[in-house]
N, C-alpha and C. Protein backbone atom coordinates (compact mmCIF):
# COMPACT_ATOMS: atom_id res chain seq x y z
N MET A 1 8.72 -152.47 -10.78
CA MET A 1 7.65 -153.18 -11.48
C MET A 1 6.29 -152.69 -10.99
N SER A 2 6.19 -152.44 -9.69
CA SER A 2 4.90 -151.99 -9.16
C SER A 2 4.53 -150.62 -9.72
N GLN A 3 5.55 -149.78 -9.97
CA GLN A 3 5.28 -148.47 -10.57
C GLN A 3 4.73 -148.63 -11.99
N LEU A 4 5.27 -149.59 -12.72
CA LEU A 4 4.76 -149.85 -14.08
C LEU A 4 3.30 -150.25 -14.05
N MET A 5 2.94 -151.08 -13.10
CA MET A 5 1.57 -151.56 -13.03
C MET A 5 0.60 -150.49 -12.54
N GLU A 6 1.13 -149.38 -12.06
CA GLU A 6 0.29 -148.23 -11.71
C GLU A 6 0.10 -147.31 -12.91
N ASN A 7 0.92 -147.47 -13.92
CA ASN A 7 0.84 -146.65 -15.13
C ASN A 7 -0.30 -147.18 -16.00
N GLU A 8 -1.37 -146.42 -16.09
CA GLU A 8 -2.57 -146.86 -16.82
C GLU A 8 -2.28 -147.09 -18.30
N ALA A 9 -1.45 -146.24 -18.91
CA ALA A 9 -1.12 -146.42 -20.32
C ALA A 9 -0.34 -147.72 -20.52
N PHE A 10 0.56 -148.02 -19.59
CA PHE A 10 1.32 -149.27 -19.68
C PHE A 10 0.40 -150.47 -19.53
N LYS A 11 -0.53 -150.42 -18.59
CA LYS A 11 -1.49 -151.52 -18.42
C LYS A 11 -2.33 -151.70 -19.68
N ALA A 12 -2.74 -150.59 -20.29
CA ALA A 12 -3.51 -150.69 -21.53
C ALA A 12 -2.65 -151.32 -22.63
N PHE A 13 -1.38 -150.88 -22.71
CA PHE A 13 -0.48 -151.45 -23.71
C PHE A 13 -0.35 -152.96 -23.53
N THR A 14 -0.13 -153.41 -22.30
CA THR A 14 0.06 -154.85 -22.08
C THR A 14 -1.19 -155.63 -22.48
N THR A 15 -2.35 -155.05 -22.23
CA THR A 15 -3.60 -155.72 -22.61
C THR A 15 -3.68 -155.90 -24.12
N TYR A 16 -3.49 -154.81 -24.86
CA TYR A 16 -3.63 -154.89 -26.32
C TYR A 16 -2.45 -155.60 -26.98
N ALA A 17 -1.27 -155.51 -26.38
CA ALA A 17 -0.13 -156.28 -26.89
C ALA A 17 -0.40 -157.78 -26.73
N ALA A 18 -1.00 -158.16 -25.63
CA ALA A 18 -1.34 -159.57 -25.41
C ALA A 18 -2.38 -160.04 -26.42
N ILE A 19 -3.35 -159.19 -26.72
CA ILE A 19 -4.39 -159.55 -27.70
C ILE A 19 -3.78 -159.77 -29.07
N VAL A 20 -2.94 -158.84 -29.55
CA VAL A 20 -2.37 -159.01 -30.90
C VAL A 20 -1.34 -160.14 -30.92
N THR A 21 -0.69 -160.40 -29.78
CA THR A 21 0.22 -161.55 -29.73
C THR A 21 -0.55 -162.84 -29.87
N LEU A 22 -1.63 -162.96 -29.15
CA LEU A 22 -2.47 -164.15 -29.25
C LEU A 22 -3.00 -164.31 -30.68
N LYS A 23 -3.44 -163.23 -31.29
CA LYS A 23 -3.91 -163.27 -32.67
C LYS A 23 -2.81 -163.76 -33.61
N MET A 24 -1.59 -163.26 -33.40
CA MET A 24 -0.46 -163.66 -34.24
C MET A 24 -0.12 -165.13 -34.03
N VAL A 25 -0.13 -165.58 -32.78
CA VAL A 25 0.17 -166.98 -32.48
C VAL A 25 -0.87 -167.91 -33.11
N LEU A 26 -2.12 -167.47 -33.12
CA LEU A 26 -3.18 -168.30 -33.70
C LEU A 26 -3.05 -168.48 -35.21
N MET A 27 -2.26 -167.64 -35.85
CA MET A 27 -2.06 -167.81 -37.29
C MET A 27 -1.29 -169.10 -37.60
N GLY A 28 -0.50 -169.59 -36.66
CA GLY A 28 0.18 -170.88 -36.85
C GLY A 28 -0.81 -172.01 -37.03
N PRO A 29 -1.74 -172.20 -36.08
CA PRO A 29 -2.75 -173.25 -36.26
C PRO A 29 -3.63 -173.04 -37.49
N VAL A 30 -3.87 -171.80 -37.87
CA VAL A 30 -4.64 -171.55 -39.10
C VAL A 30 -3.88 -172.10 -40.30
N THR A 31 -2.58 -171.86 -40.34
CA THR A 31 -1.75 -172.39 -41.43
C THR A 31 -1.76 -173.91 -41.42
N VAL A 32 -1.63 -174.51 -40.25
CA VAL A 32 -1.66 -175.97 -40.13
C VAL A 32 -3.01 -176.51 -40.61
N TYR A 33 -4.08 -175.84 -40.23
CA TYR A 33 -5.41 -176.25 -40.69
C TYR A 33 -5.47 -176.30 -42.21
N PHE A 34 -4.99 -175.24 -42.85
CA PHE A 34 -5.01 -175.22 -44.32
C PHE A 34 -4.07 -176.28 -44.91
N ARG A 35 -2.94 -176.53 -44.27
CA ARG A 35 -2.02 -177.57 -44.78
C ARG A 35 -2.72 -178.93 -44.79
N PHE A 36 -3.41 -179.27 -43.71
CA PHE A 36 -4.05 -180.58 -43.63
C PHE A 36 -5.30 -180.66 -44.49
N THR A 37 -6.13 -179.62 -44.49
CA THR A 37 -7.37 -179.69 -45.26
C THR A 37 -7.11 -179.57 -46.76
N ARG A 38 -6.01 -178.92 -47.15
CA ARG A 38 -5.67 -178.78 -48.58
C ARG A 38 -4.62 -179.79 -49.02
N LYS A 39 -4.19 -180.63 -48.07
CA LYS A 39 -3.17 -181.66 -48.33
C LYS A 39 -1.96 -181.06 -49.05
N SER A 40 -1.40 -180.07 -48.40
CA SER A 40 -0.27 -179.33 -48.96
C SER A 40 0.84 -179.24 -47.93
N PHE A 41 1.91 -180.00 -48.17
CA PHE A 41 3.03 -180.03 -47.23
C PHE A 41 4.28 -179.59 -47.95
N ILE A 42 5.21 -179.01 -47.22
CA ILE A 42 6.39 -178.44 -47.85
C ILE A 42 7.66 -179.24 -47.55
N ASN A 43 7.68 -179.97 -46.43
CA ASN A 43 8.88 -180.69 -46.01
C ASN A 43 8.72 -182.19 -46.18
N GLU A 44 9.80 -182.82 -46.63
CA GLU A 44 9.82 -184.27 -46.84
C GLU A 44 9.41 -185.03 -45.58
N GLU A 45 9.91 -184.60 -44.43
CA GLU A 45 9.63 -185.33 -43.19
C GLU A 45 8.15 -185.28 -42.80
N ASP A 46 7.42 -184.29 -43.34
CA ASP A 46 5.99 -184.19 -43.04
C ASP A 46 5.17 -185.32 -43.68
N VAL A 47 5.74 -185.93 -44.70
CA VAL A 47 5.04 -187.00 -45.41
C VAL A 47 5.91 -188.25 -45.53
N ALA A 48 6.86 -188.41 -44.62
CA ALA A 48 7.84 -189.50 -44.69
C ALA A 48 7.19 -190.88 -44.68
N TRP A 49 6.08 -191.03 -44.03
CA TRP A 49 5.41 -192.33 -43.91
C TRP A 49 4.57 -192.69 -45.14
N LYS A 50 4.48 -191.79 -46.09
CA LYS A 50 3.65 -192.00 -47.28
C LYS A 50 4.47 -192.68 -48.39
N SER A 51 3.78 -193.26 -49.35
CA SER A 51 4.45 -193.86 -50.49
C SER A 51 5.02 -192.74 -51.37
N GLU A 52 5.92 -193.11 -52.27
CA GLU A 52 6.55 -192.12 -53.16
C GLU A 52 5.50 -191.41 -54.02
N GLU A 53 4.50 -192.15 -54.46
CA GLU A 53 3.43 -191.56 -55.28
C GLU A 53 2.62 -190.55 -54.47
N GLN A 54 2.30 -190.91 -53.23
CA GLN A 54 1.54 -189.99 -52.37
C GLN A 54 2.38 -188.76 -52.01
N LYS A 55 3.67 -188.96 -51.81
CA LYS A 55 4.56 -187.83 -51.50
C LYS A 55 4.52 -186.78 -52.61
N LYS A 56 4.54 -187.25 -53.85
CA LYS A 56 4.52 -186.33 -54.99
C LYS A 56 3.25 -185.49 -54.99
N LYS A 57 2.15 -186.09 -54.57
CA LYS A 57 0.88 -185.37 -54.54
C LYS A 57 0.80 -184.40 -53.36
N LEU A 58 1.43 -184.76 -52.26
CA LEU A 58 1.32 -183.96 -51.04
C LEU A 58 2.37 -182.86 -50.92
N LEU A 59 3.53 -183.07 -51.54
CA LEU A 59 4.60 -182.06 -51.46
C LEU A 59 4.36 -181.00 -52.52
N LYS A 60 3.56 -180.02 -52.16
CA LYS A 60 3.18 -178.95 -53.08
C LYS A 60 2.73 -177.75 -52.28
N THR A 61 2.67 -176.65 -52.96
CA THR A 61 2.11 -175.46 -52.32
C THR A 61 0.63 -175.37 -52.68
N HIS A 62 -0.11 -174.62 -51.89
CA HIS A 62 -1.52 -174.40 -52.16
C HIS A 62 -1.80 -172.93 -51.87
N PRO A 63 -2.60 -172.27 -52.70
CA PRO A 63 -2.86 -170.84 -52.50
C PRO A 63 -3.41 -170.49 -51.11
N ASP A 64 -4.25 -171.33 -50.54
CA ASP A 64 -4.80 -171.03 -49.22
C ASP A 64 -3.73 -171.11 -48.12
N VAL A 65 -2.84 -172.09 -48.25
CA VAL A 65 -1.75 -172.21 -47.29
C VAL A 65 -0.83 -171.01 -47.41
N GLU A 66 -0.50 -170.64 -48.63
CA GLU A 66 0.39 -169.50 -48.85
C GLU A 66 -0.26 -168.20 -48.37
N ARG A 67 -1.55 -168.07 -48.52
CA ARG A 67 -2.27 -166.90 -48.04
C ARG A 67 -2.16 -166.81 -46.52
N ALA A 68 -2.34 -167.92 -45.83
CA ALA A 68 -2.23 -167.93 -44.36
C ALA A 68 -0.80 -167.61 -43.93
N ARG A 69 0.17 -168.14 -44.65
CA ARG A 69 1.58 -167.85 -44.34
C ARG A 69 1.90 -166.38 -44.55
N ARG A 70 1.40 -165.80 -45.63
CA ARG A 70 1.64 -164.37 -45.89
C ARG A 70 0.97 -163.50 -44.83
N CYS A 71 -0.21 -163.91 -44.39
CA CYS A 71 -0.91 -163.18 -43.34
C CYS A 71 -0.10 -163.22 -42.04
N HIS A 72 0.44 -164.37 -41.72
CA HIS A 72 1.27 -164.52 -40.52
C HIS A 72 2.53 -163.67 -40.64
N TYR A 73 3.16 -163.71 -41.79
CA TYR A 73 4.36 -162.92 -42.03
C TYR A 73 4.05 -161.42 -41.92
N ASN A 74 2.91 -161.00 -42.44
CA ASN A 74 2.50 -159.61 -42.35
C ASN A 74 2.32 -159.21 -40.89
N ASP A 75 1.78 -160.11 -40.08
CA ASP A 75 1.67 -159.85 -38.64
C ASP A 75 3.05 -159.59 -38.04
N LEU A 76 4.00 -160.43 -38.37
CA LEU A 76 5.36 -160.26 -37.83
C LEU A 76 5.94 -158.90 -38.23
N GLU A 77 5.69 -158.49 -39.47
CA GLU A 77 6.21 -157.21 -39.95
C GLU A 77 5.58 -156.01 -39.24
N ASN A 78 4.38 -156.17 -38.74
CA ASN A 78 3.65 -155.04 -38.17
C ASN A 78 3.52 -155.09 -36.65
N ILE A 79 3.35 -156.25 -36.09
CA ILE A 79 3.12 -156.35 -34.65
C ILE A 79 4.42 -156.18 -33.87
N ILE A 80 5.51 -156.69 -34.37
CA ILE A 80 6.79 -156.53 -33.66
C ILE A 80 7.17 -155.04 -33.54
N PRO A 81 7.10 -154.25 -34.60
CA PRO A 81 7.36 -152.80 -34.42
C PRO A 81 6.37 -152.15 -33.44
N PHE A 82 5.11 -152.59 -33.48
CA PHE A 82 4.12 -152.07 -32.53
C PHE A 82 4.56 -152.33 -31.10
N PHE A 83 5.12 -153.51 -30.82
CA PHE A 83 5.59 -153.82 -29.47
C PHE A 83 6.61 -152.79 -29.00
N PHE A 84 7.61 -152.55 -29.82
CA PHE A 84 8.68 -151.64 -29.41
C PHE A 84 8.21 -150.19 -29.32
N ILE A 85 7.59 -149.72 -30.36
CA ILE A 85 7.11 -148.33 -30.37
C ILE A 85 6.02 -148.15 -29.32
N GLY A 86 5.08 -149.09 -29.24
CA GLY A 86 3.99 -149.00 -28.28
C GLY A 86 4.48 -149.01 -26.84
N LEU A 87 5.47 -149.85 -26.55
CA LEU A 87 6.01 -149.89 -25.19
C LEU A 87 6.66 -148.55 -24.83
N LEU A 88 7.50 -148.06 -25.72
CA LEU A 88 8.15 -146.77 -25.45
C LEU A 88 7.12 -145.65 -25.35
N TYR A 89 6.13 -145.70 -26.21
CA TYR A 89 5.06 -144.70 -26.18
C TYR A 89 4.31 -144.76 -24.85
N ALA A 90 3.95 -145.95 -24.41
CA ALA A 90 3.23 -146.11 -23.15
C ALA A 90 4.05 -145.59 -21.98
N LEU A 91 5.37 -145.79 -22.03
CA LEU A 91 6.24 -145.34 -20.95
C LEU A 91 6.55 -143.86 -21.01
N SER A 92 6.20 -143.21 -22.12
CA SER A 92 6.51 -141.78 -22.28
C SER A 92 5.46 -140.88 -21.61
N GLY A 93 4.44 -141.47 -21.05
CA GLY A 93 3.44 -140.70 -20.32
C GLY A 93 2.36 -140.06 -21.17
N PRO A 94 1.81 -140.77 -22.14
CA PRO A 94 0.74 -140.16 -22.95
C PRO A 94 -0.56 -140.07 -22.15
N GLU A 95 -1.46 -139.26 -22.63
CA GLU A 95 -2.80 -139.24 -22.05
C GLU A 95 -3.41 -140.63 -22.23
N LEU A 96 -4.10 -141.11 -21.23
CA LEU A 96 -4.69 -142.45 -21.30
C LEU A 96 -5.65 -142.56 -22.48
N SER A 97 -6.45 -141.53 -22.71
CA SER A 97 -7.42 -141.59 -23.82
C SER A 97 -6.70 -141.71 -25.16
N SER A 98 -5.59 -141.01 -25.31
CA SER A 98 -4.82 -141.09 -26.56
C SER A 98 -4.18 -142.47 -26.71
N ALA A 99 -3.63 -142.98 -25.62
CA ALA A 99 -3.00 -144.31 -25.66
C ALA A 99 -4.04 -145.37 -26.00
N LEU A 100 -5.19 -145.31 -25.34
CA LEU A 100 -6.24 -146.29 -25.63
C LEU A 100 -6.70 -146.22 -27.08
N LEU A 101 -6.83 -145.01 -27.60
CA LEU A 101 -7.23 -144.85 -29.00
C LEU A 101 -6.21 -145.51 -29.92
N HIS A 102 -4.94 -145.24 -29.69
CA HIS A 102 -3.88 -145.85 -30.52
C HIS A 102 -3.92 -147.38 -30.42
N PHE A 103 -3.94 -147.90 -29.21
CA PHE A 103 -3.88 -149.34 -29.02
C PHE A 103 -5.11 -150.05 -29.56
N ARG A 104 -6.27 -149.46 -29.35
CA ARG A 104 -7.51 -150.09 -29.83
C ARG A 104 -7.60 -150.07 -31.34
N ILE A 105 -7.23 -148.97 -31.96
CA ILE A 105 -7.28 -148.90 -33.43
C ILE A 105 -6.31 -149.90 -34.03
N PHE A 106 -5.09 -149.96 -33.49
CA PHE A 106 -4.11 -150.91 -34.01
C PHE A 106 -4.63 -152.33 -33.89
N THR A 107 -5.13 -152.69 -32.73
CA THR A 107 -5.61 -154.05 -32.49
C THR A 107 -6.76 -154.39 -33.42
N ALA A 108 -7.72 -153.50 -33.54
CA ALA A 108 -8.85 -153.75 -34.43
C ALA A 108 -8.39 -153.86 -35.88
N ALA A 109 -7.46 -153.01 -36.29
CA ALA A 109 -6.96 -153.04 -37.66
C ALA A 109 -6.26 -154.37 -37.96
N ARG A 110 -5.46 -154.87 -37.02
CA ARG A 110 -4.75 -156.13 -37.25
C ARG A 110 -5.72 -157.32 -37.28
N ILE A 111 -6.70 -157.31 -36.40
CA ILE A 111 -7.67 -158.41 -36.41
C ILE A 111 -8.47 -158.38 -37.71
N PHE A 112 -8.93 -157.20 -38.12
CA PHE A 112 -9.67 -157.10 -39.36
C PHE A 112 -8.80 -157.48 -40.55
N HIS A 113 -7.53 -157.07 -40.52
CA HIS A 113 -6.60 -157.40 -41.61
C HIS A 113 -6.52 -158.92 -41.79
N SER A 114 -6.43 -159.66 -40.70
CA SER A 114 -6.34 -161.12 -40.80
C SER A 114 -7.61 -161.72 -41.39
N PHE A 115 -8.75 -161.23 -40.94
CA PHE A 115 -10.01 -161.73 -41.53
C PHE A 115 -10.08 -161.39 -43.01
N ALA A 116 -9.69 -160.17 -43.36
CA ALA A 116 -9.73 -159.76 -44.77
C ALA A 116 -8.79 -160.61 -45.61
N TYR A 117 -7.64 -160.96 -45.04
CA TYR A 117 -6.66 -161.77 -45.77
C TYR A 117 -7.14 -163.21 -45.94
N ILE A 118 -7.56 -163.83 -44.85
CA ILE A 118 -7.94 -165.24 -44.87
C ILE A 118 -9.26 -165.47 -45.61
N LEU A 119 -10.21 -164.58 -45.41
CA LEU A 119 -11.52 -164.73 -46.06
C LEU A 119 -11.58 -164.14 -47.46
N VAL A 120 -10.47 -163.58 -47.91
CA VAL A 120 -10.32 -162.98 -49.24
C VAL A 120 -11.41 -161.92 -49.47
N LEU A 121 -11.51 -160.99 -48.53
CA LEU A 121 -12.43 -159.87 -48.71
C LEU A 121 -11.89 -158.96 -49.81
N PRO A 122 -12.78 -158.32 -50.54
CA PRO A 122 -12.31 -157.49 -51.65
C PRO A 122 -11.49 -156.30 -51.17
N GLN A 123 -10.52 -155.94 -52.00
CA GLN A 123 -9.73 -154.74 -51.72
C GLN A 123 -10.64 -153.54 -51.93
N PRO A 124 -10.48 -152.47 -51.24
CA PRO A 124 -9.30 -152.11 -50.44
C PRO A 124 -9.43 -152.43 -48.96
N SER A 125 -10.27 -153.38 -48.57
CA SER A 125 -10.47 -153.66 -47.15
C SER A 125 -9.17 -154.03 -46.45
N ARG A 126 -8.40 -154.92 -47.03
CA ARG A 126 -7.15 -155.34 -46.41
C ARG A 126 -6.14 -154.20 -46.41
N ALA A 127 -6.07 -153.47 -47.49
CA ALA A 127 -5.12 -152.35 -47.59
C ALA A 127 -5.44 -151.26 -46.58
N ILE A 128 -6.71 -150.96 -46.42
CA ILE A 128 -7.10 -149.92 -45.46
C ILE A 128 -6.71 -150.34 -44.04
N SER A 129 -6.99 -151.59 -43.69
CA SER A 129 -6.64 -152.04 -42.33
C SER A 129 -5.13 -152.06 -42.14
N TYR A 130 -4.38 -152.43 -43.17
CA TYR A 130 -2.92 -152.43 -43.08
C TYR A 130 -2.41 -151.01 -42.84
N PHE A 131 -2.86 -150.08 -43.67
CA PHE A 131 -2.37 -148.71 -43.55
C PHE A 131 -2.84 -148.03 -42.27
N LEU A 132 -4.00 -148.40 -41.79
CA LEU A 132 -4.49 -147.85 -40.53
C LEU A 132 -3.58 -148.30 -39.38
N GLY A 133 -3.22 -149.57 -39.36
CA GLY A 133 -2.29 -150.06 -38.34
C GLY A 133 -0.94 -149.38 -38.43
N MET A 134 -0.43 -149.20 -39.65
CA MET A 134 0.86 -148.52 -39.84
C MET A 134 0.77 -147.06 -39.38
N LEU A 135 -0.34 -146.41 -39.70
CA LEU A 135 -0.54 -145.02 -39.30
C LEU A 135 -0.50 -144.88 -37.78
N VAL A 136 -1.11 -145.81 -37.08
CA VAL A 136 -1.09 -145.80 -35.62
C VAL A 136 0.34 -145.91 -35.11
N THR A 137 1.11 -146.84 -35.66
CA THR A 137 2.49 -147.02 -35.22
C THR A 137 3.30 -145.76 -35.51
N PHE A 138 3.13 -145.17 -36.68
CA PHE A 138 3.84 -143.93 -37.01
C PHE A 138 3.40 -142.78 -36.10
N SER A 139 2.12 -142.72 -35.76
CA SER A 139 1.62 -141.69 -34.87
C SER A 139 2.25 -141.80 -33.49
N MET A 140 2.35 -143.02 -32.97
CA MET A 140 2.99 -143.22 -31.67
C MET A 140 4.48 -142.85 -31.74
N ALA A 141 5.14 -143.24 -32.84
CA ALA A 141 6.56 -142.92 -33.00
C ALA A 141 6.76 -141.41 -33.07
N TYR A 142 5.90 -140.72 -33.80
CA TYR A 142 6.00 -139.26 -33.90
C TYR A 142 5.81 -138.62 -32.53
N SER A 143 4.79 -139.08 -31.80
CA SER A 143 4.54 -138.55 -30.46
C SER A 143 5.73 -138.78 -29.54
N LEU A 144 6.27 -139.97 -29.62
CA LEU A 144 7.42 -140.33 -28.79
C LEU A 144 8.63 -139.47 -29.14
N LEU A 145 8.93 -139.37 -30.43
CA LEU A 145 10.09 -138.60 -30.86
C LEU A 145 9.94 -137.12 -30.57
N SER A 146 8.73 -136.60 -30.67
CA SER A 146 8.53 -135.18 -30.39
C SER A 146 8.71 -134.86 -28.91
N LYS A 147 8.58 -135.86 -28.05
CA LYS A 147 8.77 -135.66 -26.60
C LYS A 147 10.22 -135.81 -26.18
N VAL A 148 10.92 -136.77 -26.79
CA VAL A 148 12.23 -137.14 -26.29
C VAL A 148 13.35 -137.07 -27.34
N PHE A 149 13.18 -136.26 -28.33
CA PHE A 149 14.14 -136.21 -29.42
C PHE A 149 15.44 -135.59 -28.95
N PHE A 150 16.54 -136.38 -29.00
CA PHE A 150 17.85 -135.90 -28.58
C PHE A 150 18.77 -135.91 -29.79
N LEU A 151 19.26 -134.78 -30.16
CA LEU A 151 20.27 -134.70 -31.24
C LEU A 151 21.40 -133.84 -30.81
């Protein structure tokens, strides 16, 4: 473990992985915020104390809630692969400057993607940030595979 903590690329990875994890975790409270402010609940038990008439009004979807949920789901689709590829990439001994560039671009792209999604910024802002994050993950995977490809 002490050897890992001497690896600068690994330390950089843990920093940026923690940042995107925190960003992803915060999407839960964002969704809850929209559920309460838009009075949009999906489960019966969430409104069990309400009258039948109120339940009918509250048990519905709302575009803002669904937008936050899709943003969170998109994080799961992109950040989890980043964890695996990024960890292996960091352990493969990349140049620190290259590793930092990859990790910083990915982190910035994911943070911007969430703002673009939640604030409904015009396209192609969200698409560009999505593809930029994917490009970083593919770049790390390519670098990793070109170093350790066993067939």
